[in-house]
């Protein structure tokens, strides 16, 4: 199977490339024509470092007729690449958030529907075995009726590695755009696609670095109220310092009327202190969720089935993010369906 990775802009591009490079039966091609020529983490130099084939332009990539593409560009550039890939008949895995505007997201979904190709939104935490166990505990009634969810998705400031994360014209926002979608996607699964009726957000820039983060929020809390009565909160902050032993983490506490369940997507296998480095040590445990997600995507591409989470679920989580920014702008709760202020 021919698979192309389009752009090295996103911090997750490296992991996807390494997993695809080492996978049997994959002919991998990469391209990053928009990367700054003097950036060693972009373009042909980085492809050479990773030991993967490289094309100088997206035209060159699509001339090779890839069966599937992974889009890891800046968020605002997703639409253009998705539409090109769909027109070429390639199945698509697109980084989150799916787009920066609802108009772009809908256009991407429509393009893939017309072309008959799969559009998958990159939410690897869905593929956690622990999350599957959480879903089962809700389905079998052992938790009872779900009352509330407290979600935390924290990390270090990604703009320290990729400056565009803090440039709203490319990213769509700061920490709220970057991290709300992960928890929102898990809620989308647990609540079977139910959308919140009200979204309220608070954010600040108190955690911003001295560099490119100025101008976007670095800490935020988003509160979601659902028709079923469930209330969820999302801590979506860039709260880990650069010296932190890991990039971040994702946890959820689900409160039912019979039990409380705590979910950790990236449990620690080992932690301690490294005296040689004079810093904490952290070793990850659990499954490689990126690998599990890529496996599901490639299987869908082979069979022609629609991969999950699909474009529609990506649109639903984007709508929550956009409502959160509306709430930040007005200081009021926002009714999601109409995107109007609640009274």
Protein backbone atom coordinates (compact mmCIF):
# COMPACT_ATOMS: atom_id res chain seq x y z
CA UNK A 1 0.00 0.00 0.00
CA UNK A 2 1.29 3.47 -0.90
CA UNK A 3 0.94 5.89 2.02
CA UNK A 4 1.98 9.54 2.02
CA UNK A 5 2.60 11.81 4.99
CA UNK A 6 1.87 15.38 3.96
CA UNK A 7 3.75 18.05 5.94
CA UNK A 8 6.02 17.76 8.96
CA UNK A 9 4.43 20.79 10.64
CA UNK A 10 2.63 18.91 13.40
CA UNK A 11 4.53 17.53 16.38
CA UNK A 12 2.91 14.11 15.79
CA UNK A 13 4.26 13.77 12.25
CA UNK A 14 7.50 12.18 13.44
CA UNK A 15 5.76 9.38 15.33
CA UNK A 16 3.47 8.59 12.40
CA UNK A 17 6.39 8.50 9.97
CA UNK A 18 8.43 6.19 12.19
CA UNK A 19 5.53 3.80 12.66
CA UNK A 20 4.71 3.70 8.94
CA UNK A 21 8.37 3.44 7.96
CA UNK A 22 8.85 0.32 10.06
CA UNK A 23 5.63 -1.37 8.96
CA UNK A 24 5.71 -4.29 6.50
CA UNK A 25 3.79 -3.80 3.27
CA UNK A 26 3.86 0.02 3.32
CA UNK A 27 5.55 2.08 0.61
CA UNK A 28 5.99 5.40 2.39
CA UNK A 29 6.50 8.77 0.72
CA UNK A 30 6.74 12.09 2.55
CA UNK A 31 6.57 15.73 1.53
CA UNK A 32 6.92 19.02 3.39
CA UNK A 33 7.27 21.78 0.79
CA UNK A 34 6.08 24.53 3.15
CA UNK A 35 8.76 23.96 5.76
CA UNK A 36 11.33 26.72 6.35
CA UNK A 37 14.47 25.78 4.42
CA UNK A 38 16.72 26.44 7.42
CA UNK A 39 14.68 24.30 9.86
CA UNK A 40 16.38 20.91 10.41
CA UNK A 41 13.10 19.42 11.62
CA UNK A 42 11.33 20.16 8.33
CA UNK A 43 11.66 19.24 4.66
CA UNK A 44 14.17 16.98 2.94
CA UNK A 45 16.83 17.13 5.70
CA UNK A 46 14.40 15.75 8.24
CA UNK A 47 13.18 13.04 5.85
CA UNK A 48 16.80 12.01 5.30
CA UNK A 49 17.36 11.87 9.06
CA UNK A 50 14.34 9.58 9.41
CA UNK A 51 15.42 7.47 6.42
CA UNK A 52 12.24 7.89 4.37
CA UNK A 53 11.54 8.77 0.74
CA UNK A 54 10.82 12.42 0.05
CA UNK A 55 9.01 14.33 -2.71
CA UNK A 56 9.72 18.01 -3.24
CA UNK A 57 6.07 18.95 -3.88
CA UNK A 58 2.58 17.71 -3.23
CA UNK A 59 2.15 17.47 -7.01
CA UNK A 60 4.95 14.90 -7.03
CA UNK A 61 3.24 12.97 -4.24
CA UNK A 62 -0.14 12.78 -5.93
CA UNK A 63 1.48 11.82 -9.23
CA UNK A 64 2.45 8.59 -7.44
CA UNK A 65 -1.26 7.88 -6.72
CA UNK A 66 -1.06 7.09 -2.99
CA UNK A 67 -3.75 4.82 -1.58
CA UNK A 68 -3.84 6.74 1.69
CA UNK A 69 -2.48 9.97 3.12
CA UNK A 70 -1.80 11.26 6.62
CA UNK A 71 -2.19 15.04 6.89
CA UNK A 72 -0.06 16.67 9.58
CA UNK A 73 0.03 20.25 8.35
CA UNK A 74 -0.93 23.39 10.23
CA UNK A 75 -4.63 23.21 11.12
CA UNK A 76 -5.72 25.97 8.74
CA UNK A 77 -4.15 24.09 5.81
CA UNK A 78 -6.07 20.86 6.34
CA UNK A 79 -8.89 21.71 3.94
CA UNK A 80 -6.65 22.24 0.91
CA UNK A 81 -4.77 18.99 1.43
CA UNK A 82 -7.91 16.97 2.20
CA UNK A 83 -9.60 18.20 -0.96
CA UNK A 84 -6.52 17.37 -3.04
CA UNK A 85 -6.23 13.90 -1.51
CA UNK A 86 -9.93 13.18 -1.98
CA UNK A 87 -9.74 14.24 -5.64
CA UNK A 88 -6.84 11.81 -6.05
CA UNK A 89 -8.91 8.97 -4.57
CA UNK A 90 -6.79 8.58 -1.42
CA UNK A 91 -8.20 7.69 1.98
CA UNK A 92 -7.35 10.32 4.58
CA UNK A 93 -6.24 10.50 8.19
CA UNK A 94 -6.24 14.17 9.24
CA UNK A 95 -4.77 15.61 12.40
CA UNK A 96 -7.05 17.24 14.93
CA UNK A 97 -8.77 19.64 15.09
CA UNK A 98 -10.25 18.74 11.73
CA UNK A 99 -10.26 22.40 10.66
CA UNK A 100 -10.29 25.90 12.09
CA UNK A 101 -13.75 26.85 10.74
CA UNK A 102 -17.01 24.95 10.41
CA UNK A 103 -17.17 25.92 6.73
CA UNK A 104 -13.82 24.24 6.05
CA UNK A 105 -14.77 21.11 8.00
CA UNK A 106 -18.03 20.69 6.10
CA UNK A 107 -16.27 21.23 2.78
CA UNK A 108 -13.74 18.52 3.68
CA UNK A 109 -16.48 16.06 4.61
CA UNK A 110 -18.38 16.82 1.39
CA UNK A 111 -15.24 16.37 -0.74
CA UNK A 112 -14.57 12.95 0.75
CA UNK A 113 -18.20 11.88 0.41
CA UNK A 114 -18.24 12.84 -3.27
CA UNK A 115 -14.97 11.01 -3.90
CA UNK A 116 -16.04 7.93 -1.96
CA UNK A 117 -12.99 7.96 0.30
CA UNK A 118 -12.68 7.63 4.06
CA UNK A 119 -11.97 10.72 6.18
CA UNK A 120 -10.67 9.89 9.66
CA UNK A 121 -9.89 12.41 12.41
CA UNK A 122 -6.71 11.64 14.37
CA UNK A 123 -7.91 10.92 17.90
CA UNK A 124 -5.69 8.04 19.09
CA UNK A 125 -6.99 7.95 22.66
CA UNK A 126 -10.17 6.32 21.37
CA UNK A 127 -8.06 3.22 20.81
CA UNK A 128 -6.90 2.84 24.39
CA UNK A 129 -7.84 -0.55 25.92
CA UNK A 130 -8.49 1.30 29.18
CA UNK A 131 -10.98 3.54 27.39
CA UNK A 132 -12.69 0.44 25.97
CA UNK A 133 -13.01 -0.82 29.55
CA UNK A 134 -14.47 2.54 30.60
CA UNK A 135 -17.08 2.31 27.82
CA UNK A 136 -17.94 -1.22 28.91
CA UNK A 137 -18.39 -0.16 32.53
CA UNK A 138 -20.94 2.41 31.36
CA UNK A 139 -22.65 0.01 28.98
CA UNK A 140 -23.04 -2.81 31.51
CA UNK A 141 -24.50 -0.49 34.15
CA UNK A 142 -21.76 -0.97 36.74
CA UNK A 143 -21.23 2.81 36.92
CA UNK A 144 -24.93 3.53 36.78
CA UNK A 145 -26.25 6.69 35.20
CA UNK A 146 -23.43 9.02 34.20
CA UNK A 147 -23.69 12.31 36.07
CA UNK A 148 -20.47 14.19 35.42
CA UNK A 149 -17.08 13.94 33.74
CA UNK A 150 -13.93 15.82 34.69
CA UNK A 151 -11.38 15.68 31.87
CA UNK A 152 -7.78 16.90 31.92
CA UNK A 153 -5.57 17.16 28.85
CA UNK A 154 -2.39 19.03 29.76
CA UNK A 155 0.95 19.31 28.01
CA UNK A 156 3.95 21.52 27.64
CA UNK A 157 3.68 24.50 25.30
CA UNK A 158 3.84 23.03 21.75
CA UNK A 159 4.78 26.41 20.27
CA UNK A 160 8.22 25.96 21.82
CA UNK A 161 8.73 23.25 19.20
CA UNK A 162 6.35 24.46 16.50
CA UNK A 163 5.68 28.22 16.62
CA UNK A 164 2.51 27.99 14.52
CA UNK A 165 0.59 26.43 17.44
CA UNK A 166 0.43 29.93 18.95
CA UNK A 167 -0.58 31.68 15.72
CA UNK A 168 -4.40 31.64 15.48
CA UNK A 169 -4.36 32.15 11.72
CA UNK A 170 -2.70 28.75 11.38
CA UNK A 171 -3.80 26.90 14.52
CA UNK A 172 -7.26 28.31 15.19
CA UNK A 173 -6.30 29.33 18.72
CA UNK A 174 -4.17 28.29 21.67
CA UNK A 175 -4.60 25.64 24.34
CA UNK A 176 -8.41 25.54 23.94
CA UNK A 177 -8.12 24.61 20.26
CA UNK A 178 -5.26 22.22 20.88
CA UNK A 179 -6.58 20.17 23.79
CA UNK A 180 -10.36 20.51 24.13
CA UNK A 181 -10.94 18.25 21.13
CA UNK A 182 -9.35 15.16 22.71
CA UNK A 183 -11.69 15.10 25.71
CA UNK A 184 -14.63 16.22 23.55
CA UNK A 185 -14.03 13.24 21.26
CA UNK A 186 -14.05 10.79 24.17
CA UNK A 187 -17.27 12.36 25.42
CA UNK A 188 -18.66 12.01 21.91
CA UNK A 189 -18.07 8.26 22.18
CA UNK A 190 -19.33 7.85 25.74
CA UNK A 191 -22.51 9.84 25.01
CA UNK A 192 -23.01 8.26 21.56
CA UNK A 193 -22.77 11.50 19.60
CA UNK A 194 -24.94 13.59 21.94
CA UNK A 195 -24.01 17.25 21.60
CA UNK A 196 -23.91 19.66 24.54
CA UNK A 197 -26.62 22.28 24.76
CA UNK A 198 -24.41 24.89 26.45
CA UNK A 199 -20.70 25.63 26.38
CA UNK A 200 -18.94 27.99 28.78
CA UNK A 201 -15.22 28.73 28.77
CA UNK A 202 -12.68 30.64 30.80
CA UNK A 203 -9.03 31.03 29.78
CA UNK A 204 -5.92 33.10 30.45
CA UNK A 205 -2.33 33.54 29.33
CA UNK A 206 -0.70 33.16 32.74
CA UNK A 207 1.20 30.05 31.73
CA UNK A 208 2.54 31.43 28.49
CA UNK A 209 6.21 31.14 27.68
CA UNK A 210 8.43 34.09 26.89
CA UNK A 211 8.29 33.30 23.18
CA UNK A 212 5.59 32.75 20.60
CA UNK A 213 2.72 31.92 22.97
CA UNK A 214 2.01 35.61 23.60
CA UNK A 215 -1.40 36.42 22.18
CA UNK A 216 -3.13 33.07 22.71
CA UNK A 217 -4.52 31.38 25.78
CA UNK A 218 -2.23 28.90 27.53
CA UNK A 219 -4.67 27.77 30.25
CA UNK A 220 -8.37 27.10 29.99
CA UNK A 221 -11.42 25.38 31.45
CA UNK A 222 -14.38 24.49 29.22
CA UNK A 223 -17.69 23.43 30.78
CA UNK A 224 -20.23 21.42 28.76
CA UNK A 225 -23.87 20.78 29.65
CA UNK A 226 -25.65 17.94 27.85
CA UNK A 227 -29.38 17.31 27.26
CA UNK A 228 -29.15 14.10 29.31
CA UNK A 229 -28.07 16.16 32.34
CA UNK A 230 -24.39 15.21 32.20
CA UNK A 231 -22.03 18.07 33.02
CA UNK A 232 -18.43 17.83 31.83
CA UNK A 233 -15.38 20.01 32.40
CA UNK A 234 -12.23 20.06 30.29
CA UNK A 235 -8.91 21.37 31.63
CA UNK A 236 -7.13 22.05 28.34
CA UNK A 237 -4.01 23.84 29.55
CA UNK A 238 -0.40 24.01 28.38
CA UNK A 239 0.62 23.65 32.01
CA UNK A 240 3.70 21.43 31.90
CA UNK A 241 7.06 23.23 31.98
CA UNK A 242 9.66 22.37 29.32
CA UNK A 243 11.63 20.49 31.98
CA UNK A 244 8.74 18.12 32.69
CA UNK A 245 9.76 14.47 32.10
CA UNK A 246 6.86 13.87 29.70
CA UNK A 247 5.00 15.99 27.15
CA UNK A 248 1.70 15.78 29.03
CA UNK A 249 -1.17 13.47 29.78
CA UNK A 250 -4.90 12.82 29.52
CA UNK A 251 -7.18 11.67 32.33
CA UNK A 252 -10.92 11.52 32.96
CA UNK A 253 -12.96 11.00 36.10
CA UNK A 254 -16.47 9.74 35.37
CA UNK A 255 -19.00 9.99 38.18
CA UNK A 256 -22.10 7.80 38.04
CA UNK A 257 -24.83 7.23 40.56
CA UNK A 258 -23.34 3.82 41.42
CA UNK A 259 -19.58 4.24 41.02
CA UNK A 260 -16.72 6.54 40.08
CA UNK A 261 -14.30 5.47 37.35
CA UNK A 262 -10.92 7.08 36.69
CA UNK A 263 -9.27 6.75 33.28
CA UNK A 264 -5.61 7.47 32.48
CA UNK A 265 -4.66 7.30 28.80
CA UNK A 266 -0.92 7.34 29.47
CA UNK A 267 -0.21 5.54 32.75
CA UNK A 268 3.26 5.62 34.22
CA UNK A 269 5.20 2.40 34.09
CA UNK A 270 8.08 3.87 36.06
CA UNK A 271 8.89 7.18 37.66
CA UNK A 272 11.66 8.47 39.86
CA UNK A 273 14.63 10.81 39.75
CA UNK A 274 17.56 10.64 37.33
CA UNK A 275 20.57 11.94 39.23
CA UNK A 276 22.74 11.96 36.09
CA UNK A 277 20.34 14.37 34.40
CA UNK A 278 19.26 16.07 37.64
CA UNK A 279 15.61 15.81 36.67
CA UNK A 280 12.63 13.52 37.20
CA UNK A 281 12.43 10.35 35.14
CA UNK A 282 9.23 9.05 33.63
CA UNK A 283 8.73 5.89 31.56
CA UNK A 284 5.42 5.40 29.74
CA UNK A 285 3.24 2.35 30.16
CA UNK A 286 0.34 0.94 28.21
CA UNK A 287 -0.29 0.60 24.49
CA UNK A 288 1.08 2.72 21.65
CA UNK A 289 -2.15 4.51 20.79
CA UNK A 290 -0.77 6.06 17.62
CA UNK A 291 0.04 2.59 16.35
CA UNK A 292 -3.45 1.35 17.18
CA UNK A 293 -5.01 4.32 15.38
CA UNK A 294 -2.85 3.85 12.29
CA UNK A 295 -3.76 0.16 12.21
CA UNK A 296 -7.47 1.05 12.17
CA UNK A 297 -6.89 3.65 9.46
CA UNK A 298 -4.90 1.33 7.20
CA UNK A 299 -7.44 -1.46 7.61
CA UNK A 300 -10.23 0.92 6.60
CA UNK A 301 -8.20 2.05 3.59
CA UNK A 302 -7.67 -1.56 2.51
CA UNK A 303 -11.31 -2.53 2.85
CA UNK A 304 -12.93 0.73 1.77
CA UNK A 305 -14.83 1.04 5.04
CA UNK A 306 -15.27 4.38 6.78
CA UNK A 307 -12.71 4.76 9.53
CA UNK A 308 -13.72 6.02 12.97
CA UNK A 309 -13.59 8.68 14.30
CA UNK A 310 -14.87 10.05 11.02
CA UNK A 311 -15.23 13.57 9.66
CA UNK A 312 -18.63 14.06 11.26
CA UNK A 313 -17.25 13.35 14.72
CA UNK A 314 -14.37 15.71 13.94
CA UNK A 315 -16.94 18.36 13.02
CA UNK A 316 -18.84 17.86 16.28
CA UNK A 317 -15.72 18.38 18.39
CA UNK A 318 -14.75 21.42 16.30
CA UNK A 319 -18.18 22.94 16.95
CA UNK A 320 -17.51 22.64 20.68
CA UNK A 321 -14.17 24.42 20.27
CA UNK A 322 -15.74 27.22 18.23
CA UNK A 323 -18.50 27.64 20.82
CA UNK A 324 -15.83 27.81 23.54
CA UNK A 325 -14.10 30.66 21.73
CA UNK A 326 -17.44 32.43 21.31
CA UNK A 327 -17.94 32.10 25.05
CA UNK A 328 -14.43 33.46 25.72
CA UNK A 329 -15.18 36.46 23.52
CA UNK A 330 -18.49 37.27 25.22
CA UNK A 331 -17.93 36.04 28.75
CA UNK A 332 -21.26 34.19 28.53
CA UNK A 333 -22.41 30.58 28.03
CA UNK A 334 -23.15 29.74 24.40
CA UNK A 335 -25.96 27.56 23.06
CA UNK A 336 -24.09 25.19 20.79
CA UNK A 337 -26.74 24.43 18.19
CA UNK A 338 -27.41 28.06 17.35
CA UNK A 339 -24.05 29.39 18.57
CA UNK A 340 -26.04 32.10 20.35
CA UNK A 341 -25.62 33.44 23.87
CA UNK A 342 -27.65 31.72 26.56
CA UNK A 343 -29.94 33.82 28.70
